[in-house]
Amino acid sequence: MRVLVVQNFDGTLLGQVGVALEEVGAEIDVRTAHRGGLLPQTAHEHDALVVLGGGQNALDDANYPYIPALLELMRGYVEADKAVLGICLGSQLLARAYGGKNQIGGAEEFGWCRVAPTSEAAGDPVLGGVPEEFPIFQWHDDTFSLPDGAVRLAGSAVADNQAFRVGRAGYGIQFHFEADRTLVRHWNETFAQMIANRHPEWIAAFEDEATRHGPVADAIGLALARAWVATIHPARANAAAPVSKLAVSAGL
């Protein structure tokens, strides 16, 4: 199994998605597109695509001229019936690729926030089984409208579209389910000045927030990661841990 990972910003990592991919022995091919890393022209070379987050917005073609080619590549994977995962900026790009409208600013969420699945999520291979509401890490200012034909899977009080699916396994997920407490601590250090400027109270509050929300968020995030990995080869779907059971065991 070969998985293409497109990195859009320094310091973004696969986190729990990487754990789930390593569990099935996936070969991970990381392309640093924001630093000039070349993108494949087609979906033929890999079994799945992950597009990570970033500090730029999904319309910033002028500063990141690879974005139009990335949009085409994302569509190519979905149309080839291959699994796609867009996280945060990646979800906004997937929405744009299918005609959704990007809203720049006005939808700020940071830290562990509450997300709720929609009724359509109940039968979904990835979001099916999540609790009626759960904490998960967020870090975004932008949002998007749902593309025509997409299935809305989750929302929050700030951003209606927190997760959606296009095709069989093209997932856009606004929240950072890949970010367990270890990755968030890494971001605290890597983006220390950015966080201090915009969220000066965060570092002092972090350990209490991590203790309160981290165990549940980490358990749900890893279950979601495993469930998405199972969509790469649907025959492996039974290997995905039930999200609801993990949430209960974490004390939700």
Protein backbone atom coordinates (compact mmCIF):
# COMPACT_ATOMS: atom_id res chain seq x y z
CA MET A 1 0.00 0.00 0.00
CA ARG A 2 1.48 3.34 -1.10
CA VAL A 3 0.03 6.56 0.30
CA LEU A 4 0.85 10.01 -1.05
CA VAL A 5 0.99 12.72 1.63
CA VAL A 6 0.99 16.36 0.54
CA GLN A 7 2.43 18.74 3.10
CA ASN A 8 1.40 22.39 2.73
CA PHE A 9 3.21 23.96 5.69
CA ASP A 10 6.28 23.31 7.82
CA GLY A 11 5.58 21.56 11.12
CA THR A 12 2.42 19.75 10.06
CA LEU A 13 2.68 16.03 10.69
CA LEU A 14 0.56 12.94 10.14
CA GLY A 15 0.12 12.29 13.87
CA GLN A 16 -2.44 9.57 14.47
CA VAL A 17 -3.05 9.08 10.75
CA GLY A 18 0.62 8.10 10.55
CA VAL A 19 0.14 5.63 13.40
CA ALA A 20 -2.81 4.01 11.60
CA LEU A 21 -0.87 3.81 8.33
CA GLU A 22 2.14 2.27 10.04
CA GLU A 23 -0.10 -0.36 11.63
CA VAL A 24 -0.98 -1.70 8.16
CA GLY A 25 2.58 -1.41 6.83
CA ALA A 26 1.84 1.41 4.39
CA GLU A 27 4.62 3.04 2.41
CA ILE A 28 4.31 6.81 2.98
CA ASP A 29 5.48 9.18 0.22
CA VAL A 30 5.62 12.76 1.56
CA ARG A 31 5.74 15.65 -0.91
CA THR A 32 6.48 19.13 0.49
CA ALA A 33 4.47 20.98 -2.10
CA HIS A 34 4.88 24.35 -0.37
CA ARG A 35 8.64 24.01 -0.79
CA GLY A 36 8.52 23.03 -4.44
CA GLY A 37 8.10 19.29 -4.02
CA LEU A 38 6.72 17.81 -7.21
CA LEU A 39 3.25 16.33 -7.25
CA PRO A 40 2.34 13.32 -9.38
CA GLN A 41 0.20 14.20 -12.37
CA THR A 42 -2.17 11.27 -11.87
CA ALA A 43 -3.45 8.94 -9.15
CA HIS A 44 -1.81 5.89 -10.73
CA GLU A 45 1.28 5.72 -8.50
CA HIS A 46 -0.42 5.54 -5.10
CA ASP A 47 -3.36 3.86 -3.42
CA ALA A 48 -4.53 6.88 -1.42
CA LEU A 49 -3.93 10.59 -0.88
CA VAL A 50 -3.65 12.65 2.32
CA VAL A 51 -3.58 16.46 2.12
CA LEU A 52 -2.51 18.09 5.39
CA GLY A 53 -3.28 21.50 6.85
CA GLY A 54 -1.47 24.80 6.65
CA GLY A 55 -1.45 28.45 7.62
CA GLN A 56 -2.42 29.68 4.14
CA ASN A 57 -5.97 29.82 2.83
CA ALA A 58 -7.45 27.59 0.17
CA LEU A 59 -7.64 30.41 -2.40
CA ASP A 60 -4.01 31.51 -2.14
CA ASP A 61 -2.94 30.39 -5.62
CA ALA A 62 -0.76 33.49 -6.05
CA ASN A 63 1.62 32.49 -3.25
CA TYR A 64 1.16 28.73 -3.63
CA PRO A 65 0.89 28.17 -7.41
CA TYR A 66 0.72 24.38 -7.03
CA ILE A 67 -2.81 24.58 -5.56
CA PRO A 68 -4.73 24.25 -8.86
CA ALA A 69 -2.74 21.12 -9.74
CA LEU A 70 -3.42 19.74 -6.25
CA LEU A 71 -7.15 20.32 -6.71
CA GLU A 72 -7.04 18.38 -9.96
CA LEU A 73 -5.07 15.60 -8.29
CA MET A 74 -7.61 15.32 -5.47
CA ARG A 75 -10.42 15.03 -8.00
CA GLY A 76 -8.43 12.41 -9.87
CA TYR A 77 -8.14 10.21 -6.78
CA VAL A 78 -11.85 10.47 -5.97
CA GLU A 79 -12.81 9.73 -9.57
CA ALA A 80 -10.45 6.73 -9.57
CA ASP A 81 -12.35 5.43 -6.50
CA LYS A 82 -9.26 5.84 -4.33
CA ALA A 83 -9.32 7.11 -0.75
CA VAL A 84 -8.65 10.80 -0.13
CA LEU A 85 -8.26 12.55 3.21
CA GLY A 86 -8.09 16.33 3.42
CA ILE A 87 -7.47 17.69 6.92
CA CYS A 88 -8.21 21.34 7.83
CA LEU A 89 -6.76 23.23 4.82
CA GLY A 90 -6.96 19.91 3.00
CA SER A 91 -10.71 19.77 3.63
CA GLN A 92 -11.12 23.33 2.37
CA LEU A 93 -9.18 22.41 -0.79
CA LEU A 94 -11.32 19.30 -1.34
CA ALA A 95 -14.45 21.45 -0.99
CA ARG A 96 -13.04 23.91 -3.53
CA ALA A 97 -12.09 21.08 -5.89
CA TYR A 98 -15.75 20.08 -6.07
CA GLY A 99 -17.24 23.54 -6.36
CA GLY A 100 -17.72 24.53 -2.73
CA LYS A 101 -17.17 28.18 -1.84
CA ASN A 102 -14.33 29.02 0.54
CA GLN A 103 -14.98 31.58 3.27
CA ILE A 104 -11.77 33.26 4.38
CA GLY A 105 -11.94 34.20 8.07
CA GLY A 106 -14.91 34.48 10.38
CA ALA A 107 -14.88 30.87 11.60
CA GLU A 108 -12.14 30.74 14.22
CA GLU A 109 -11.79 27.69 16.44
CA PHE A 110 -8.70 26.85 18.46
CA GLY A 111 -8.08 24.16 21.05
CA TRP A 112 -10.30 21.22 21.95
CA CYS A 113 -13.81 22.08 20.74
CA ARG A 114 -17.09 20.22 20.49
CA VAL A 115 -18.14 18.61 17.21
CA ALA A 116 -21.36 16.73 16.48
CA PRO A 117 -22.06 14.20 13.71
CA THR A 118 -25.04 14.61 11.40
CA SER A 119 -27.72 11.98 10.91
CA GLU A 120 -26.03 11.05 7.62
CA ALA A 121 -22.90 10.06 9.54
CA ALA A 122 -24.60 7.10 11.19
CA GLY A 123 -23.95 4.75 8.29
CA ASP A 124 -20.64 6.25 7.18
CA PRO A 125 -17.54 3.98 7.18
CA VAL A 126 -15.42 6.61 8.95
CA LEU A 127 -17.73 8.81 11.03
CA GLY A 128 -20.31 6.15 11.81
CA GLY A 129 -20.36 5.34 15.51
CA VAL A 130 -18.93 8.58 16.89
CA PRO A 131 -20.74 9.96 19.96
CA GLU A 132 -23.52 12.53 19.60
CA GLU A 133 -20.96 15.19 20.52
CA PHE A 134 -17.24 14.89 21.18
CA PRO A 135 -14.17 17.04 21.83
CA ILE A 136 -11.51 17.23 19.14
CA PHE A 137 -8.65 19.60 18.39
CA GLN A 138 -9.31 22.58 16.13
CA TRP A 139 -7.11 25.25 14.60
CA HIS A 140 -8.68 27.21 11.77
CA ASP A 141 -10.12 30.58 10.79
CA ASP A 142 -11.72 29.64 7.47
CA THR A 143 -14.63 27.48 6.43
CA PHE A 144 -16.48 26.48 3.24
CA SER A 145 -19.83 25.65 1.75
CA LEU A 146 -20.67 22.04 1.04
CA PRO A 147 -20.04 20.98 -2.57
CA ASP A 148 -23.04 19.79 -4.57
CA GLY A 149 -23.58 16.09 -4.04
CA ALA A 150 -21.35 15.88 -0.96
CA VAL A 151 -22.57 14.13 2.18
CA ARG A 152 -22.33 16.33 5.27
CA LEU A 153 -21.04 14.27 8.20
CA ALA A 154 -20.33 16.66 11.09
CA GLY A 155 -20.64 20.26 12.21
CA SER A 156 -19.94 22.59 15.11
CA ALA A 157 -21.43 25.77 16.56
CA VAL A 158 -18.84 27.82 14.65
CA ALA A 159 -18.50 25.94 11.35
CA ASP A 160 -21.44 24.00 9.98
CA ASN A 161 -19.26 21.86 7.74
CA GLN A 162 -16.74 19.98 9.87
CA ALA A 163 -16.66 16.78 7.83
CA PHE A 164 -18.02 15.65 4.48
CA ARG A 165 -17.61 12.88 1.94
CA VAL A 166 -17.49 12.97 -1.84
CA GLY A 167 -17.65 9.73 -3.76
CA ARG A 168 -16.95 6.49 -1.96
CA ALA A 169 -14.01 7.59 0.15
CA GLY A 170 -13.13 11.22 -0.46
CA TYR A 171 -13.16 12.79 3.03
CA GLY A 172 -12.76 16.43 3.98
CA ILE A 173 -12.35 16.83 7.75
CA GLN A 174 -11.95 20.33 9.15
CA PHE A 175 -10.99 19.30 12.69
CA HIS A 176 -7.55 17.97 13.55
CA PHE A 177 -8.37 14.42 14.59
CA GLU A 178 -4.76 13.50 13.74
CA ALA A 179 -3.54 15.82 16.51
CA ASP A 180 -3.19 13.87 19.74
CA ARG A 181 -1.67 15.50 22.80
CA THR A 182 1.85 14.66 21.62
CA LEU A 183 1.32 16.47 18.31
CA VAL A 184 -0.37 19.44 20.00
CA ARG A 185 2.63 19.78 22.31
CA HIS A 186 4.85 19.75 19.22
CA TRP A 187 2.74 22.54 17.71
CA ASN A 188 2.95 24.51 20.97
CA GLU A 189 6.72 24.58 20.49
CA THR A 190 6.91 24.84 16.72
CA PHE A 191 4.34 27.65 16.45
CA ALA A 192 5.03 29.26 19.82
CA GLN A 193 5.17 32.85 18.58
CA MET A 194 2.10 32.48 16.39
CA ILE A 195 0.12 31.03 19.27
CA ALA A 196 1.38 33.67 21.71
CA ASN A 197 0.25 36.43 19.36
CA ARG A 198 -3.21 35.06 18.70
CA HIS A 199 -4.00 32.95 21.78
CA PRO A 200 -1.85 34.30 24.64
CA GLU A 201 -3.79 32.34 27.27
CA TRP A 202 -3.24 28.97 25.62
CA ILE A 203 0.08 27.82 27.07
CA ALA A 204 -1.00 28.51 30.66
CA ALA A 205 -4.26 26.65 30.10
CA PHE A 206 -2.85 23.82 28.00
CA GLU A 207 -2.16 21.13 30.61
CA ASP A 208 -5.60 21.50 32.19
CA GLU A 209 -7.25 21.41 28.76
CA ALA A 210 -5.17 18.40 27.74
CA THR A 211 -6.11 16.53 30.91
CA ARG A 212 -9.80 17.32 30.53
CA HIS A 213 -10.24 16.62 26.83
CA GLY A 214 -7.14 14.81 25.60
CA PRO A 215 -7.92 11.17 26.49
CA VAL A 216 -11.31 11.17 24.74
CA ALA A 217 -10.10 13.22 21.77
CA ASP A 218 -7.05 11.01 21.29
CA ALA A 219 -9.13 7.83 21.38
CA ILE A 220 -11.69 9.13 18.90
CA GLY A 221 -8.99 10.56 16.66
CA LEU A 222 -7.09 7.28 16.43
CA ALA A 223 -10.31 5.36 15.73
CA LEU A 224 -11.18 7.80 12.93
CA ALA A 225 -7.68 7.45 11.50
CA ARG A 226 -7.94 3.65 11.51
CA ALA A 227 -11.40 3.80 9.95
CA TRP A 228 -10.19 6.03 7.12
CA VAL A 229 -7.18 3.78 6.49
CA ALA A 230 -9.61 0.87 6.18
CA THR A 231 -11.31 2.66 3.26
CA ILE A 232 -8.09 2.44 1.22
CA HIS A 233 -8.78 -1.28 0.79
CA PRO A 234 -12.38 -1.84 1.90
CA ALA A 235 -11.74 -5.54 2.55
CA ARG A 236 -9.78 -4.41 5.60
CA ALA A 237 -12.69 -2.45 7.04
CA ASN A 238 -13.19 -4.93 9.88
CA ALA A 239 -9.77 -3.96 11.22
CA ALA A 240 -11.01 -0.49 12.13
CA ALA A 241 -11.68 -0.07 15.85
CA PRO A 242 -15.27 0.98 16.66
CA VAL A 243 -15.21 4.68 17.48
CA SER A 244 -17.98 4.52 20.04
CA LYS A 245 -16.34 1.75 22.06
CA LEU A 246 -13.06 3.65 22.20
CA ALA A 247 -14.88 6.78 23.33
CA VAL A 248 -16.63 4.91 26.13
CA SER A 249 -13.39 3.30 27.28
CA ALA A 250 -11.79 6.76 27.43
CA GLY A 251 -14.50 7.95 29.78
CA LEU A 252 -16.75 10.00 27.51
